[in-house]
Amino acid sequence: MRVLVLGANGQVGRALTAALPDAVGLTRAQCDIADPTGVDWAAFDVVVNAAAYTKVDAAETAQGRVDAWRANAGGPAALAAQARAHGTTLVHLSSEYVFDGAHDGPIPEDAPVAPLGAYGASKAAGDVAVAGVDRHYLVRPTWVVGDGTNFVRTMLGLAGRGIEPTVVADQVGRPTFASDIAAAIVHLVTTGAPFGTYHLTGGGEPASWADVARAVYALAGRGDLRVTDTSTAEYFAGKPESAPRPLNSVLDLDRVRAAGVVVPDWRERLAEYVAQA
C-alpha cells in the first residue's frame, strides 16, 4: 500500500508518518492542498489529508475567512477531484465544529451539520467535497493532543510555572490523541472497513475543558493548584472576534468501534502523555 500523508508536520501528520514509516509525508510548504497538481497521484493508493487551517478565532477575521476557506474547503475539493480521477482512496480529517453542539447526547455521524462559525463552515464544506469520492474515509476527532501545540501542553506549561488558571467548564467532550487517530486510520484502510464517515475520539466518560485541566495538573504533581471554572460566555466576553464554540463535542463512537477500532480511555492516554512530556 503506497500512502501519501499531507500536512505531515502537524500533530496528526507526525503521528501518521510514525505509524506508516514507508509513507511519503509532505508538509504545507511542500504541497499546497488547494493546488495539488504537483503530486504524482498515480504513485499512491491512499492519500491522507491531515492538513488544515485550524485558527478558529482568526477564521472570523476578513483574511482568516479567506485562508480558512481556501485550505479547509478548496483544499479538500481539489484533493477530491484528483482522487476521483485516479481512483485513489482519500482519507480526510474533519472536526466537531461542523456541528452546533446542541445535540442531546453523543453526536452520531449522520447528525445535521450546523456550524456556528467560519472555521466550522469551511470544514463542513470540505466534508461535502470529500463525501463525493467513492473511496473515502472521513474521520472526525475532537480536542486533538499530539506532538505540537495543544491544550494539554499549555496546561502543563502553566502548572510548571505555578499558575492557577480559569478554564471553561460548559464545553464537554473527550480528548483524542494523535497516535490513536493514526492507528485508527491505518486500521480502517488496511482492513477494508466500509467507506464513509467515522467519529473518533478518546473513550471513557466525557469531561469539560476544566476537568481536563485538573487532570493534567494532578498528573503533573500540581494538584495543590486551583483550576477555576468559568462559562464560555464569561471567558470570551469582550472578545468580539472570538469564534462561537459548540458546547457539546461528545461524539458517538459506535460505528468506529463496530469497525474494530480500539478506542482507549482518554484518561489513560493522558497519563501516558504527561509521563512522556
Protein backbone atom coordinates (compact mmCIF):
# COMPACT_ATOMS: atom_id res chain seq x y z
CA MET A 1 0.00 0.00 0.00
CA ARG A 2 1.52 3.27 -1.16
CA VAL A 3 0.48 6.12 1.14
CA LEU A 4 0.88 9.90 0.92
CA VAL A 5 0.38 11.98 4.06
CA LEU A 6 -0.40 15.67 3.54
CA GLY A 7 0.13 18.05 6.45
CA ALA A 8 2.94 15.82 7.68
CA ASN A 9 4.27 18.38 10.15
CA GLY A 10 1.04 18.74 12.14
CA GLN A 11 0.12 16.74 15.23
CA VAL A 12 -1.82 14.07 13.32
CA GLY A 13 0.57 14.19 10.36
CA ARG A 14 3.54 13.42 12.60
CA ALA A 15 1.68 10.52 14.22
CA LEU A 16 0.74 9.16 10.79
CA THR A 17 4.28 9.25 9.42
CA ALA A 18 5.45 7.50 12.59
CA ALA A 19 2.77 4.81 12.20
CA LEU A 20 3.47 4.49 8.46
CA PRO A 21 7.27 4.69 8.12
CA ASP A 22 7.12 3.79 4.42
CA ALA A 23 4.66 6.58 3.63
CA VAL A 24 5.65 9.78 1.85
CA GLY A 25 4.96 12.81 4.02
CA LEU A 26 4.59 16.32 2.62
CA THR A 27 4.32 19.46 4.73
CA ARG A 28 2.22 22.52 3.89
CA ALA A 29 5.33 24.15 2.48
CA GLN A 30 5.89 21.20 0.17
CA CYS A 31 2.30 20.77 -1.02
CA ASP A 32 -0.48 23.33 -1.26
CA ILE A 33 -3.58 21.16 -0.92
CA ALA A 34 -5.67 23.80 -2.67
CA ASP A 35 -3.48 23.21 -5.74
CA PRO A 36 -2.18 19.63 -5.53
CA THR A 37 -1.38 19.29 -9.23
CA GLY A 38 2.30 18.78 -8.44
CA VAL A 39 1.57 15.46 -6.71
CA ASP A 40 2.08 12.28 -8.73
CA TRP A 41 -1.27 10.77 -7.86
CA ALA A 42 -0.58 7.62 -9.85
CA ALA A 43 2.20 6.80 -7.37
CA PHE A 44 -0.18 6.39 -4.42
CA ASP A 45 -3.03 4.10 -3.42
CA VAL A 46 -4.08 6.18 -0.39
CA VAL A 47 -3.82 9.91 0.27
CA VAL A 48 -4.39 11.07 3.86
CA ASN A 49 -5.20 14.75 4.26
CA ALA A 50 -4.11 15.92 7.71
CA ALA A 51 -3.57 19.49 6.51
CA ALA A 52 -5.99 22.22 7.61
CA TYR A 53 -6.38 25.81 8.70
CA THR A 54 -7.07 25.45 12.43
CA LYS A 55 -7.01 29.02 13.79
CA VAL A 56 -10.62 29.02 14.93
CA ASP A 57 -10.74 32.63 16.12
CA ALA A 58 -8.63 34.05 13.29
CA ALA A 59 -11.07 32.46 10.84
CA GLU A 60 -13.61 35.07 11.94
CA THR A 61 -11.45 37.89 10.52
CA ALA A 62 -11.58 39.07 6.91
CA GLN A 63 -8.26 37.48 5.91
CA GLY A 64 -8.82 34.48 8.16
CA ARG A 65 -12.05 33.59 6.38
CA VAL A 66 -10.24 33.65 3.06
CA ASP A 67 -7.43 31.45 4.37
CA ALA A 68 -9.77 29.04 6.15
CA TRP A 69 -11.98 28.54 3.11
CA ARG A 70 -9.01 28.09 0.81
CA ALA A 71 -7.45 25.38 2.98
CA ASN A 72 -10.50 23.69 4.51
CA ALA A 73 -12.97 23.87 1.63
CA GLY A 74 -10.95 24.50 -1.53
CA GLY A 75 -8.19 22.10 -0.49
CA PRO A 76 -10.40 19.04 0.09
CA ALA A 77 -12.35 19.85 -3.10
CA ALA A 78 -9.12 19.84 -5.12
CA LEU A 79 -7.97 16.61 -3.45
CA ALA A 80 -11.36 15.01 -4.07
CA ALA A 81 -11.20 15.85 -7.77
CA GLN A 82 -7.78 14.20 -8.06
CA ALA A 83 -8.87 11.17 -6.04
CA ARG A 84 -11.88 10.62 -8.29
CA ALA A 85 -9.75 10.98 -11.41
CA HIS A 86 -7.16 8.44 -10.23
CA GLY A 87 -9.31 6.02 -8.21
CA THR A 88 -7.36 6.88 -5.07
CA THR A 89 -8.64 6.26 -1.55
CA LEU A 90 -8.92 9.64 0.19
CA VAL A 91 -8.75 9.90 3.98
CA HIS A 92 -9.71 13.29 5.40
CA LEU A 93 -9.64 14.73 8.93
CA SER A 94 -12.76 16.68 9.87
CA SER A 95 -13.87 18.47 13.07
CA GLU A 96 -16.77 18.54 15.53
CA TYR A 97 -17.05 22.25 14.71
CA VAL A 98 -19.29 21.24 11.81
CA PHE A 99 -21.99 20.77 14.49
CA ASP A 100 -23.62 23.43 16.65
CA GLY A 101 -23.18 21.47 19.88
CA ALA A 102 -26.90 21.48 20.65
CA HIS A 103 -27.42 17.73 20.16
CA ASP A 104 -28.72 15.90 23.23
CA GLY A 105 -26.17 13.18 23.98
CA PRO A 106 -23.32 11.76 21.87
CA ILE A 107 -23.45 13.10 18.30
CA PRO A 108 -23.79 10.43 15.56
CA GLU A 109 -22.13 10.66 12.16
CA ASP A 110 -25.42 11.46 10.41
CA ALA A 111 -26.43 14.33 12.71
CA PRO A 112 -27.40 17.53 10.84
CA VAL A 113 -24.45 19.76 10.06
CA ALA A 114 -24.93 23.26 11.51
CA PRO A 115 -21.62 25.09 12.03
CA LEU A 116 -21.61 28.13 14.30
CA GLY A 117 -18.63 29.97 12.81
CA ALA A 118 -16.42 30.42 9.77
CA TYR A 119 -13.97 27.66 10.71
CA GLY A 120 -16.76 25.11 11.16
CA ALA A 121 -18.43 26.21 7.93
CA SER A 122 -15.19 25.81 5.98
CA LYS A 123 -14.66 22.32 7.43
CA ALA A 124 -18.25 21.35 6.62
CA ALA A 125 -17.76 22.45 3.01
CA GLY A 126 -14.63 20.32 2.78
CA ASP A 127 -16.53 17.34 4.16
CA VAL A 128 -19.15 17.67 1.42
CA ALA A 129 -16.43 17.60 -1.23
CA VAL A 130 -14.74 14.53 0.26
CA ALA A 131 -18.06 12.69 0.57
CA GLY A 132 -18.31 12.85 -3.24
CA VAL A 133 -15.36 10.46 -3.55
CA ASP A 134 -16.44 6.81 -3.77
CA ARG A 135 -13.40 5.55 -1.87
CA HIS A 136 -13.22 7.88 1.13
CA TYR A 137 -12.82 7.79 4.89
CA LEU A 138 -13.86 10.96 6.68
CA VAL A 139 -12.51 10.78 10.25
CA ARG A 140 -13.86 13.27 12.76
CA PRO A 141 -11.84 13.68 16.02
CA THR A 142 -12.13 16.25 18.81
CA TRP A 143 -9.70 18.08 21.09
CA VAL A 144 -6.56 16.68 19.44
CA VAL A 145 -3.46 16.10 21.55
CA GLY A 146 -0.16 15.14 19.95
CA ASP A 147 3.35 16.33 19.20
CA GLY A 148 2.83 20.06 18.93
CA THR A 149 0.89 22.94 20.44
CA ASN A 150 -2.29 21.81 22.19
CA PHE A 151 -4.38 22.38 25.32
CA VAL A 152 -2.61 19.74 27.41
CA ARG A 153 0.83 21.19 26.70
CA THR A 154 -0.49 24.66 27.54
CA MET A 155 -1.80 23.42 30.89
CA LEU A 156 1.49 21.63 31.61
CA GLY A 157 3.33 24.89 30.99
CA LEU A 158 1.03 26.79 33.35
CA ALA A 159 1.32 24.11 36.01
CA GLY A 160 5.09 24.22 35.74
CA ARG A 161 5.03 27.97 36.38
CA GLY A 162 2.66 27.62 39.33
CA ILE A 163 -0.20 29.45 37.61
CA GLU A 164 -3.79 28.79 38.71
CA PRO A 165 -5.88 29.07 35.52
CA THR A 166 -9.52 29.83 34.85
CA VAL A 167 -10.87 27.31 32.34
CA VAL A 168 -14.16 26.86 30.51
CA ALA A 169 -16.40 24.28 32.19
CA ASP A 170 -19.51 24.23 29.98
CA GLN A 171 -17.88 22.78 26.85
CA VAL A 172 -17.87 19.00 27.14
CA GLY A 173 -16.07 16.38 25.05
CA ARG A 174 -13.18 13.92 25.06
CA PRO A 175 -9.52 14.49 24.13
CA THR A 176 -8.30 12.49 21.14
CA PHE A 177 -4.65 11.53 20.99
CA ALA A 178 -2.93 11.82 17.62
CA SER A 179 -1.35 8.38 17.90
CA ASP A 180 -4.81 6.84 18.29
CA ILE A 181 -6.08 8.75 15.25
CA ALA A 182 -3.17 7.41 13.22
CA ALA A 183 -3.76 3.85 14.45
CA ALA A 184 -7.45 4.09 13.61
CA ILE A 185 -6.77 5.35 10.09
CA VAL A 186 -4.29 2.54 9.49
CA HIS A 187 -6.88 0.04 10.74
CA LEU A 188 -9.71 1.38 8.57
CA VAL A 189 -7.60 1.40 5.42
CA THR A 190 -5.81 -1.93 5.90
CA THR A 191 -8.87 -3.92 6.99
CA GLY A 192 -11.08 -2.64 4.18
CA ALA A 193 -13.63 -1.12 6.53
CA PRO A 194 -16.73 0.31 4.82
CA PHE A 195 -16.08 3.73 3.32
CA GLY A 196 -17.76 6.75 4.87
CA THR A 197 -17.65 8.92 7.97
CA TYR A 198 -16.30 7.78 11.34
CA HIS A 199 -16.35 9.66 14.61
CA LEU A 200 -13.16 9.01 16.54
CA THR A 201 -12.27 10.35 19.98
CA GLY A 202 -10.82 9.02 23.17
CA GLY A 203 -13.07 6.66 25.10
CA GLY A 204 -14.26 6.97 28.66
CA GLU A 205 -16.51 9.48 30.35
CA PRO A 206 -16.79 12.92 28.73
CA ALA A 207 -15.32 15.88 30.58
CA SER A 208 -15.13 19.65 30.36
CA TRP A 209 -12.02 21.58 29.45
CA ALA A 210 -11.74 22.49 33.14
CA ASP A 211 -11.91 18.80 34.08
CA VAL A 212 -9.13 18.01 31.61
CA ALA A 213 -7.05 20.86 33.06
CA ARG A 214 -7.49 19.49 36.59
CA ALA A 215 -6.48 16.03 35.40
CA VAL A 216 -3.33 17.47 33.80
CA TYR A 217 -2.43 19.39 36.96
CA ALA A 218 -2.91 16.28 39.10
CA LEU A 219 -0.77 14.14 36.78
CA ALA A 220 1.91 16.85 36.75
CA GLY A 221 2.03 16.74 40.57
CA ARG A 222 0.40 20.15 40.94
CA GLY A 223 -2.98 19.12 42.30
CA ASP A 224 -2.38 21.71 45.01
CA LEU A 225 -3.06 24.47 42.47
CA ARG A 226 -6.64 25.52 41.82
CA VAL A 227 -8.36 25.39 38.41
CA THR A 228 -11.32 27.78 38.47
CA ASP A 229 -14.41 27.06 36.35
CA THR A 230 -15.91 29.67 34.05
CA SER A 231 -18.52 29.67 31.29
CA THR A 232 -17.84 30.07 27.59
CA ALA A 233 -19.79 33.33 27.60
CA GLU A 234 -17.76 34.71 30.51
CA TYR A 235 -14.42 33.57 29.11
CA PHE A 236 -14.96 35.21 25.71
CA ALA A 237 -16.74 38.35 26.98
CA GLY A 238 -15.16 41.43 25.46
CA LYS A 239 -13.54 39.41 22.66
CA PRO A 240 -15.79 40.23 19.67
CA GLU A 241 -13.64 38.38 17.13
CA SER A 242 -13.74 35.10 19.06
CA ALA A 243 -15.46 32.26 17.26
CA PRO A 244 -18.55 30.63 18.78
CA ARG A 245 -17.81 27.19 20.23
CA PRO A 246 -20.07 24.11 20.31
CA LEU A 247 -20.85 23.24 23.92
CA ASN A 248 -21.42 19.55 23.24
CA SER A 249 -18.42 17.97 21.50
CA VAL A 250 -19.17 14.41 22.63
CA LEU A 251 -19.20 12.18 19.54
CA ASP A 252 -20.86 8.78 19.22
CA LEU A 253 -18.22 6.05 18.82
CA ASP A 254 -20.43 3.07 17.97
CA ARG A 255 -19.57 2.98 14.27
CA VAL A 256 -15.81 3.17 14.65
CA ARG A 257 -15.90 0.50 17.36
CA ALA A 258 -18.01 -1.73 15.11
CA ALA A 259 -15.26 -1.42 12.51
CA GLY A 260 -12.84 -2.94 15.02
CA VAL A 261 -11.04 0.23 16.09
CA VAL A 262 -9.84 0.21 19.69
CA VAL A 263 -10.82 3.42 21.49
CA PRO A 264 -8.62 3.82 24.60
CA ASP A 265 -9.88 5.75 27.61
CA TRP A 266 -8.69 9.33 27.29
CA ARG A 267 -7.61 9.48 30.93
CA GLU A 268 -5.24 6.52 30.44
CA ARG A 269 -3.78 8.12 27.33
CA LEU A 270 -3.44 11.45 29.15
CA ALA A 271 -1.44 9.81 31.92
CA GLU A 272 0.92 8.28 29.35
CA TYR A 273 1.24 11.58 27.50
CA VAL A 274 2.04 13.62 30.62
CA ALA A 275 4.57 11.00 31.76
CA GLN A 276 6.41 11.35 28.45
CA ALA A 277 6.17 15.14 28.21
